[in-house]
Amino acid sequence: MVVTPHCGRFGYLINNVASLPLRSFLNKFVSNFKYFVIFAPNHHKRIILEAEEGILPQDATFVVPYNLYKLPQLRSVIDAIVQELL
């Protein structure tokens, strides 16, 4: 049997290894921030969402698709957050 890097279990292991340090970071610093904006490629977004599960407040977490054409949406999210803070 040949196991390749594209094996599903390997991908899960990589995601798990990557999300554990991020989860401990989020646990430590979540109280320092009021809003969270996630703008990352799909693979990284999955790792972030897995790590933040149950840590970040759902009503203050915004996920914007990572795409050049979504930059106006990202700007509107950031503008809305800035307006609420002012």
PDB file of N, CA and C in Angstrom:
ATOM      1  N   MET A   1       0.848  -1.184   0.000  1.00  0.00           N
ATOM      2  CA  MET A   1       0.000   0.000   0.000  1.00  0.00           C
ATOM      3  C   MET A   1       0.886   1.237   0.000  1.00  0.00           C
ATOM      4  N   VAL A   2       0.568   2.187  -0.872  1.00  0.00           N
ATOM      5  CA  VAL A   2       1.321   3.433  -0.975  1.00  0.00           C
ATOM      6  C   VAL A   2       0.451   4.563  -0.430  1.00  0.00           C
ATOM      7  N   VAL A   3       0.998   5.319   0.493  1.00  0.00           N
ATOM      8  CA  VAL A   3       0.272   6.457   1.053  1.00  0.00           C
ATOM      9  C   VAL A   3       0.866   7.717   0.456  1.00  0.00           C
ATOM     10  N   THR A   4       0.028   8.516  -0.179  1.00  0.00           N
ATOM     11  CA  THR A   4       0.493   9.748  -0.807  1.00  0.00           C
ATOM     12  C   THR A   4       0.087  10.940   0.051  1.00  0.00           C
ATOM     13  N   PRO A   5       0.715  12.089  -0.176  1.00  0.00           N
ATOM     14  CA  PRO A   5       0.325  13.280   0.581  1.00  0.00           C
ATOM     15  C   PRO A   5      -1.113  13.710   0.344  1.00  0.00           C
ATOM     16  N   HIS A   6      -1.730  13.181  -0.694  1.00  0.00           N
ATOM     17  CA  HIS A   6      -3.107  13.566  -0.992  1.00  0.00           C
ATOM     18  C   HIS A   6      -4.124  12.690  -0.271  1.00  0.00           C
ATOM     19  N   CYS A   7      -3.651  11.803   0.549  1.00  0.00           N
ATOM     20  CA  CYS A   7      -4.536  10.926   1.309  1.00  0.00           C
ATOM     21  C   CYS A   7      -5.386  11.758   2.271  1.00  0.00           C
ATOM     22  N   GLY A   8      -6.642  11.426   2.411  1.00  0.00           N
ATOM     23  CA  GLY A   8      -7.554  12.178   3.261  1.00  0.00           C
ATOM     24  C   GLY A   8      -7.105  12.245   4.710  1.00  0.00           C
ATOM     25  N   ARG A   9      -6.577  11.147   5.231  1.00  0.00           N
ATOM     26  CA  ARG A   9      -6.120  11.145   6.621  1.00  0.00           C
ATOM     27  C   ARG A   9      -4.949  12.095   6.811  1.00  0.00           C
ATOM     28  N   PHE A  10      -4.075  12.162   5.828  1.00  0.00           N
ATOM     29  CA  PHE A  10      -2.923  13.054   5.911  1.00  0.00           C
ATOM     30  C   PHE A  10      -3.383  14.512   5.961  1.00  0.00           C
ATOM     31  N   GLY A  11      -4.344  14.851   5.129  1.00  0.00           N
ATOM     32  CA  GLY A  11      -4.890  16.211   5.134  1.00  0.00           C
ATOM     33  C   GLY A  11      -5.505  16.556   6.468  1.00  0.00           C
ATOM     34  N   TYR A  12      -6.229  15.599   7.054  1.00  0.00           N
ATOM     35  CA  TYR A  12      -6.829  15.832   8.370  1.00  0.00           C
ATOM     36  C   TYR A  12      -5.749  16.040   9.419  1.00  0.00           C
ATOM     37  N   LEU A  13      -4.676  15.252   9.341  1.00  0.00           N
ATOM     38  CA  LEU A  13      -3.582  15.383  10.299  1.00  0.00           C
ATOM     39  C   LEU A  13      -2.927  16.754  10.184  1.00  0.00           C
ATOM     40  N   ILE A  14      -2.686  17.209   8.967  1.00  0.00           N
ATOM     41  CA  ILE A  14      -2.092  18.531   8.756  1.00  0.00           C
ATOM     42  C   ILE A  14      -3.008  19.618   9.308  1.00  0.00           C
ATOM     43  N   ASN A  15      -4.298  19.544   9.015  1.00  0.00           N
ATOM     44  CA  ASN A  15      -5.236  20.537   9.541  1.00  0.00           C
ATOM     45  C   ASN A  15      -5.242  20.524  11.058  1.00  0.00           C
ATOM     46  N   ASN A  16      -5.222  19.350  11.651  1.00  0.00           N
ATOM     47  CA  ASN A  16      -5.252  19.239  13.100  1.00  0.00           C
ATOM     48  C   ASN A  16      -3.980  19.814  13.713  1.00  0.00           C
ATOM     49  N   VAL A  17      -2.837  19.494  13.134  1.00  0.00           N
ATOM     50  CA  VAL A  17      -1.560  20.005  13.638  1.00  0.00           C
ATOM     51  C   VAL A  17      -1.505  21.521  13.484  1.00  0.00           C
ATOM     52  N   ALA A  18      -2.039  22.057  12.403  1.00  0.00           N
ATOM     53  CA  ALA A  18      -2.013  23.500  12.170  1.00  0.00           C
ATOM     54  C   ALA A  18      -3.005  24.234  13.053  1.00  0.00           C
ATOM     55  N   SER A  19      -4.140  23.613  13.364  1.00  0.00           N
ATOM     56  CA  SER A  19      -5.171  24.322  14.118  1.00  0.00           C
ATOM     57  C   SER A  19      -4.914  24.336  15.619  1.00  0.00           C
ATOM     58  N   LEU A  20      -4.162  23.395  16.148  1.00  0.00           N
ATOM     59  CA  LEU A  20      -3.927  23.368  17.598  1.00  0.00           C
ATOM     60  C   LEU A  20      -3.173  24.594  18.112  1.00  0.00           C
ATOM     61  N   PRO A  21      -2.043  24.997  17.496  1.00  0.00           N
ATOM     62  CA  PRO A  21      -1.381  26.216  17.978  1.00  0.00           C
ATOM     63  C   PRO A  21      -2.250  27.465  17.780  1.00  0.00           C
ATOM     64  N   LEU A  22      -2.998  27.504  16.671  1.00  0.00           N
ATOM     65  CA  LEU A  22      -3.881  28.631  16.424  1.00  0.00           C
ATOM     66  C   LEU A  22      -4.978  28.688  17.477  1.00  0.00           C
ATOM     67  N   ARG A  23      -5.507  27.539  17.859  1.00  0.00           N
ATOM     68  CA  ARG A  23      -6.555  27.487  18.881  1.00  0.00           C
ATOM     69  C   ARG A  23      -6.035  28.014  20.225  1.00  0.00           C
ATOM     70  N   SER A  24      -4.820  27.642  20.596  1.00  0.00           N
ATOM     71  CA  SER A  24      -4.278  28.133  21.857  1.00  0.00           C
ATOM     72  C   SER A  24      -4.027  29.641  21.778  1.00  0.00           C
ATOM     73  N   PHE A  25      -3.587  30.127  20.604  1.00  0.00           N
ATOM     74  CA  PHE A  25      -3.409  31.571  20.415  1.00  0.00           C
ATOM     75  C   PHE A  25      -4.741  32.299  20.566  1.00  0.00           C
ATOM     76  N   LEU A  26      -5.782  31.790  19.913  1.00  0.00           N
ATOM     77  CA  LEU A  26      -7.094  32.432  19.993  1.00  0.00           C
ATOM     78  C   LEU A  26      -7.629  32.424  21.412  1.00  0.00           C
ATOM     79  N   ASN A  27      -7.467  31.322  22.129  1.00  0.00           N
ATOM     80  CA  ASN A  27      -7.903  31.258  23.519  1.00  0.00           C
ATOM     81  C   ASN A  27      -7.238  32.332  24.370  1.00  0.00           C
ATOM     82  N   LYS A  28      -5.975  32.582  24.077  1.00  0.00           N
ATOM     83  CA  LYS A  28      -5.208  33.536  24.873  1.00  0.00           C
ATOM     84  C   LYS A  28      -5.584  34.986  24.551  1.00  0.00           C
ATOM     85  N   PHE A  29      -5.855  35.291  23.274  1.00  0.00           N
ATOM     86  CA  PHE A  29      -6.016  36.676  22.866  1.00  0.00           C
ATOM     87  C   PHE A  29      -7.422  37.079  22.440  1.00  0.00           C
ATOM     88  N   VAL A  30      -8.399  36.205  22.540  1.00  0.00           N
ATOM     89  CA  VAL A  30      -9.749  36.531  22.082  1.00  0.00           C
ATOM     90  C   VAL A  30     -10.342  37.702  22.868  1.00  0.00           C
ATOM     91  N   SER A  31      -9.988  37.846  24.112  1.00  0.00           N
ATOM     92  CA  SER A  31     -10.552  38.921  24.928  1.00  0.00           C
ATOM     93  C   SER A  31      -9.980  40.295  24.572  1.00  0.00           C
ATOM     94  N   ASN A  32      -8.897  40.352  23.799  1.00  0.00           N
ATOM     95  CA  ASN A  32      -8.288  41.630  23.425  1.00  0.00           C
ATOM     96  C   ASN A  32      -8.973  42.289  22.238  1.00  0.00           C
ATOM     97  N   PHE A  33      -9.833  41.568  21.533  1.00  0.00           N
ATOM     98  CA  PHE A  33     -10.440  42.087  20.315  1.00  0.00           C
ATOM     99  C   PHE A  33     -11.950  41.947  20.372  1.00  0.00           C
ATOM    100  N   LYS A  34     -12.643  42.887  19.716  1.00  0.00           N
ATOM    101  CA  LYS A  34     -14.105  42.853  19.699  1.00  0.00           C
ATOM    102  C   LYS A  34     -14.645  42.197  18.427  1.00  0.00           C
ATOM    103  N   TYR A  35     -13.959  42.405  17.304  1.00  0.00           N
ATOM    104  CA  TYR A  35     -14.408  41.874  16.019  1.00  0.00           C
ATOM    105  C   TYR A  35     -13.304  41.047  15.376  1.00  0.00           C
ATOM    106  N   PHE A  36     -13.727  40.093  14.546  1.00  0.00           N
ATOM    107  CA  PHE A  36     -12.789  39.217  13.851  1.00  0.00           C
ATOM    108  C   PHE A  36     -13.219  39.110  12.395  1.00  0.00           C
ATOM    109  N   VAL A  37     -12.298  39.404  11.477  1.00  0.00           N
ATOM    110  CA  VAL A  37     -12.566  39.310  10.049  1.00  0.00           C
ATOM    111  C   VAL A  37     -11.624  38.255   9.481  1.00  0.00           C
ATOM    112  N   ILE A  38     -12.199  37.266   8.827  1.00  0.00           N
ATOM    113  CA  ILE A  38     -11.416  36.196   8.209  1.00  0.00           C
ATOM    114  C   ILE A  38     -11.456  36.396   6.705  1.00  0.00           C
ATOM    115  N   PHE A  39     -10.291  36.646   6.126  1.00  0.00           N
ATOM    116  CA  PHE A  39     -10.136  36.829   4.678  1.00  0.00           C
ATOM    117  C   PHE A  39      -8.920  36.013   4.285  1.00  0.00           C
ATOM    118  N   ALA A  40      -9.139  34.760   3.938  1.00  0.00           N
ATOM    119  CA  ALA A  40      -8.038  33.826   3.700  1.00  0.00           C
ATOM    120  C   ALA A  40      -8.426  32.829   2.613  1.00  0.00           C
ATOM    121  N   PRO A  41      -7.429  32.244   1.940  1.00  0.00           N
ATOM    122  CA  PRO A  41      -7.731  31.184   0.962  1.00  0.00           C
ATOM    123  C   PRO A  41      -8.484  30.038   1.638  1.00  0.00           C
ATOM    124  N   ASN A  42      -9.206  29.261   0.849  1.00  0.00           N
ATOM    125  CA  ASN A  42     -10.089  28.215   1.386  1.00  0.00           C
ATOM    126  C   ASN A  42      -9.396  27.267   2.352  1.00  0.00           C
ATOM    127  N   HIS A  43      -8.203  26.797   2.011  1.00  0.00           N
ATOM    128  CA  HIS A  43      -7.510  25.851   2.880  1.00  0.00           C
ATOM    129  C   HIS A  43      -7.208  26.487   4.238  1.00  0.00           C
ATOM    130  N   HIS A  44      -6.728  27.705   4.227  1.00  0.00           N
ATOM    131  CA  HIS A  44      -6.416  28.396   5.474  1.00  0.00           C
ATOM    132  C   HIS A  44      -7.690  28.767   6.228  1.00  0.00           C
ATOM    133  N   LYS A  45      -8.732  29.126   5.479  1.00  0.00           N
ATOM    134  CA  LYS A  45     -10.007  29.470   6.110  1.00  0.00           C
ATOM    135  C   LYS A  45     -10.563  28.271   6.871  1.00  0.00           C
ATOM    136  N   ARG A  46     -10.467  27.073   6.289  1.00  0.00           N
ATOM    137  CA  ARG A  46     -10.939  25.869   6.977  1.00  0.00           C
ATOM    138  C   ARG A  46     -10.174  25.630   8.275  1.00  0.00           C
ATOM    139  N   ILE A  47      -8.861  25.843   8.243  1.00  0.00           N
ATOM    140  CA  ILE A  47      -8.050  25.659   9.445  1.00  0.00           C
ATOM    141  C   ILE A  47      -8.446  26.680  10.501  1.00  0.00           C
ATOM    142  N   ILE A  48      -8.638  27.936  10.088  1.00  0.00           N
ATOM    143  CA  ILE A  48      -9.030  28.985  11.034  1.00  0.00           C
ATOM    144  C   ILE A  48     -10.400  28.685  11.627  1.00  0.00           C
ATOM    145  N   LEU A  49     -11.358  28.307  10.795  1.00  0.00           N
ATOM    146  CA  LEU A  49     -12.705  28.033  11.287  1.00  0.00           C
ATOM    147  C   LEU A  49     -12.724  26.816  12.208  1.00  0.00           C
ATOM    148  N   GLU A  50     -11.890  25.829  11.921  1.00  0.00           N
ATOM    149  CA  GLU A  50     -11.793  24.664  12.799  1.00  0.00           C
ATOM    150  C   GLU A  50     -11.193  25.062  14.139  1.00  0.00           C
ATOM    151  N   ALA A  51     -10.183  25.919  14.102  1.00  0.00           N
ATOM    152  CA  ALA A  51      -9.508  26.332  15.332  1.00  0.00           C
ATOM    153  C   ALA A  51     -10.381  27.232  16.184  1.00  0.00           C
ATOM    154  N   GLU A  52     -11.189  28.080  15.556  1.00  0.00           N
ATOM    155  CA  GLU A  52     -11.968  29.052  16.315  1.00  0.00           C
ATOM    156  C   GLU A  52     -13.303  28.511  16.819  1.00  0.00           C
ATOM    157  N   GLU A  53     -13.632  27.309  16.471  1.00  0.00           N
ATOM    158  CA  GLU A  53     -14.922  26.739  16.833  1.00  0.00           C
ATOM    159  C   GLU A  53     -15.168  26.832  18.339  1.00  0.00           C
ATOM    160  N   GLY A  54     -16.189  27.605  18.704  1.00  0.00           N
ATOM    161  CA  GLY A  54     -16.552  27.763  20.104  1.00  0.00           C
ATOM    162  C   GLY A  54     -15.733  28.797  20.857  1.00  0.00           C
ATOM    163  N   ILE A  55     -14.777  29.447  20.191  1.00  0.00           N
ATOM    164  CA  ILE A  55     -13.934  30.442  20.860  1.00  0.00           C
ATOM    165  C   ILE A  55     -14.362  31.858  20.485  1.00  0.00           C
ATOM    166  N   LEU A  56     -14.447  32.118  19.179  1.00  0.00           N
ATOM    167  CA  LEU A  56     -14.787  33.460  18.728  1.00  0.00           C
ATOM    168  C   LEU A  56     -16.289  33.680  18.790  1.00  0.00           C
ATOM    169  N   PRO A  57     -16.702  34.894  19.144  1.00  0.00           N
ATOM    170  CA  PRO A  57     -18.146  35.184  19.175  1.00  0.00           C
ATOM    171  C   PRO A  57     -18.721  35.173  17.760  1.00  0.00           C
ATOM    172  N   GLN A  58     -19.770  34.410  17.536  1.00  0.00           N
ATOM    173  CA  GLN A  58     -20.326  34.245  16.195  1.00  0.00           C
ATOM    174  C   GLN A  58     -20.892  35.542  15.629  1.00  0.00           C
ATOM    175  N   ASP A  59     -21.441  36.403  16.482  1.00  0.00           N
ATOM    176  CA  ASP A  59     -22.019  37.649  15.995  1.00  0.00           C
ATOM    177  C   ASP A  59     -20.961  38.711  15.683  1.00  0.00           C
ATOM    178  N   ALA A  60     -19.725  38.481  16.051  1.00  0.00           N
ATOM    179  CA  ALA A  60     -18.651  39.440  15.797  1.00  0.00           C
ATOM    180  C   ALA A  60     -17.560  38.847  14.908  1.00  0.00           C
ATOM    181  N   THR A  61     -17.844  37.737  14.240  1.00  0.00           N
ATOM    182  CA  THR A  61     -16.887  37.097  13.339  1.00  0.00           C
ATOM    183  C   THR A  61     -17.435  37.173  11.918  1.00  0.00           C
ATOM    184  N   PHE A  62     -16.667  37.762  11.030  1.00  0.00           N
ATOM    185  CA  PHE A  62     -17.082  37.949   9.648  1.00  0.00           C
ATOM    186  C   PHE A  62     -16.142  37.172   8.735  1.00  0.00           C
ATOM    187  N   VAL A  63     -16.723  36.363   7.859  1.00  0.00           N
ATOM    188  CA  VAL A  63     -15.936  35.591   6.898  1.00  0.00           C
ATOM    189  C   VAL A  63     -16.224  36.148   5.511  1.00  0.00           C
ATOM    190  N   VAL A  64     -15.175  36.676   4.872  1.00  0.00           N
ATOM    191  CA  VAL A  64     -15.296  37.223   3.524  1.00  0.00           C
ATOM    192  C   VAL A  64     -14.507  36.302   2.597  1.00  0.00           C
ATOM    193  N   PRO A  65     -15.126  35.846   1.495  1.00  0.00           N
ATOM    194  CA  PRO A  65     -14.410  34.964   0.568  1.00  0.00           C
ATOM    195  C   PRO A  65     -13.132  35.626   0.053  1.00  0.00           C
ATOM    196  N   TYR A  66     -12.082  34.826  -0.056  1.00  0.00           N
ATOM    197  CA  TYR A  66     -10.785  35.314  -0.507  1.00  0.00           C
ATOM    198  C   TYR A  66     -10.770  35.324  -2.023  1.00  0.00           C
ATOM    199  N   ASN A  67     -11.020  36.505  -2.579  1.00  0.00           N
ATOM    200  CA  ASN A  67     -11.104  36.652  -4.022  1.00  0.00           C
ATOM    201  C   ASN A  67     -10.903  38.127  -4.339  1.00  0.00           C
ATOM    202  N   LEU A  68     -10.202  38.412  -5.409  1.00  0.00           N
ATOM    203  CA  LEU A  68      -9.963  39.791  -5.809  1.00  0.00           C
ATOM    204  C   LEU A  68     -11.276  40.552  -5.981  1.00  0.00           C
ATOM    205  N   TYR A  69     -12.285  39.871  -6.486  1.00  0.00           N
ATOM    206  CA  TYR A  69     -13.570  40.518  -6.735  1.00  0.00           C
ATOM    207  C   TYR A  69     -14.370  40.746  -5.459  1.00  0.00           C
ATOM    208  N   LYS A  70     -13.939  40.172  -4.345  1.00  0.00           N
ATOM    209  CA  LYS A  70     -14.626  40.359  -3.064  1.00  0.00           C
ATOM    210  C   LYS A  70     -13.993  41.466  -2.217  1.00  0.00           C
ATOM    211  N   LEU A  71     -12.983  42.144  -2.752  1.00  0.00           N
ATOM    212  CA  LEU A  71     -12.360  43.237  -2.008  1.00  0.00           C
ATOM    213  C   LEU A  71     -13.352  44.346  -1.639  1.00  0.00           C
ATOM    214  N   PRO A  72     -14.299  44.717  -2.519  1.00  0.00           N
ATOM    215  CA  PRO A  72     -15.303  45.703  -2.098  1.00  0.00           C
ATOM    216  C   PRO A  72     -16.146  45.211  -0.901  1.00  0.00           C
ATOM    217  N   GLN A  73     -16.453  43.916  -0.865  1.00  0.00           N
ATOM    218  CA  GLN A  73     -17.197  43.359   0.266  1.00  0.00           C
ATOM    219  C   GLN A  73     -16.346  43.422   1.535  1.00  0.00           C
ATOM    220  N   LEU A  74     -15.070  43.116   1.418  1.00  0.00           N
ATOM    221  CA  LEU A  74     -14.169  43.207   2.565  1.00  0.00           C
ATOM    222  C   LEU A  74     -14.110  44.639   3.072  1.00  0.00           C
ATOM    223  N   ARG A  75     -14.017  45.583   2.154  1.00  0.00           N
ATOM    224  CA  ARG A  75     -13.973  46.986   2.559  1.00  0.00           C
ATOM    225  C   ARG A  75     -15.256  47.405   3.253  1.00  0.00           C
ATOM    226  N   SER A  76     -16.401  46.962   2.758  1.00  0.00           N
ATOM    227  CA  SER A  76     -17.667  47.339   3.393  1.00  0.00           C
ATOM    228  C   SER A  76     -17.780  46.737   4.793  1.00  0.00           C
ATOM    229  N   VAL A  77     -17.283  45.527   4.993  1.00  0.00           N
ATOM    230  CA  VAL A  77     -17.283  44.917   6.325  1.00  0.00           C
ATOM    231  C   VAL A  77     -16.397  45.723   7.263  1.00  0.00           C
ATOM    232  N   ILE A  78     -15.204  46.074   6.795  1.00  0.00           N
ATOM    233  CA  ILE A  78     -14.291  46.855   7.630  1.00  0.00           C
ATOM    234  C   ILE A  78     -14.868  48.240   7.905  1.00  0.00           C
ATOM    235  N   ASP A  79     -15.469  48.888   6.901  1.00  0.00           N
ATOM    236  CA  ASP A  79     -16.096  50.195   7.106  1.00  0.00           C
ATOM    237  C   ASP A  79     -17.221  50.124   8.128  1.00  0.00           C
ATOM    238  N   ALA A  80     -18.036  49.073   8.060  1.00  0.00           N
ATOM    239  CA  ALA A  80     -19.124  48.908   9.026  1.00  0.00           C
ATOM    240  C   ALA A  80     -18.588  48.737  10.452  1.00  0.00           C
ATOM    241  N   ILE A  81     -17.522  47.994  10.594  1.00  0.00           N
ATOM    242  CA  ILE A  81     -16.915  47.803  11.915  1.00  0.00           C
ATOM    243  C   ILE A  81     -16.353  49.126  12.431  1.00  0.00           C
ATOM    244  N   VAL A  82     -15.680  49.865  11.569  1.00  0.00           N
ATOM    245  CA  VAL A  82     -15.113  51.163  11.974  1.00  0.00           C
ATOM    246  C   VAL A  82     -16.230  52.120  12.378  1.00  0.00           C
ATOM    247  N   GLN A  83     -17.310  52.163  11.613  1.00  0.00           N
ATOM    248  CA  GLN A  83     -18.427  53.045  11.947  1.00  0.00           C
ATOM    249  C   GLN A  83     -19.052  52.682  13.291  1.00  0.00           C
ATOM    250  N   GLU A  84     -19.132  51.409  13.573  1.00  0.00           N
ATOM    251  CA  GLU A  84     -19.707  50.988  14.861  1.00  0.00           C
ATOM    252  C   GLU A  84     -18.783  51.356  16.015  1.00  0.00           C
ATOM    253  N   LEU A  85     -17.465  51.304  15.776  1.00  0.00           N
ATOM    254  CA  LEU A  85     -16.520  51.638  16.820  1.00  0.00           C
ATOM    255  C   LEU A  85     -16.465  53.139  17.102  1.00  0.00           C
ATOM    256  N   LEU A  86     -16.785  53.947  16.069  1.00  0.00           N
ATOM    257  CA  LEU A  86     -16.745  55.397  16.261  1.00  0.00           C
ATOM    258  C   LEU A  86     -17.976  55.888  16.887  1.00  0.00           C
TER     259      LEU A  86
END
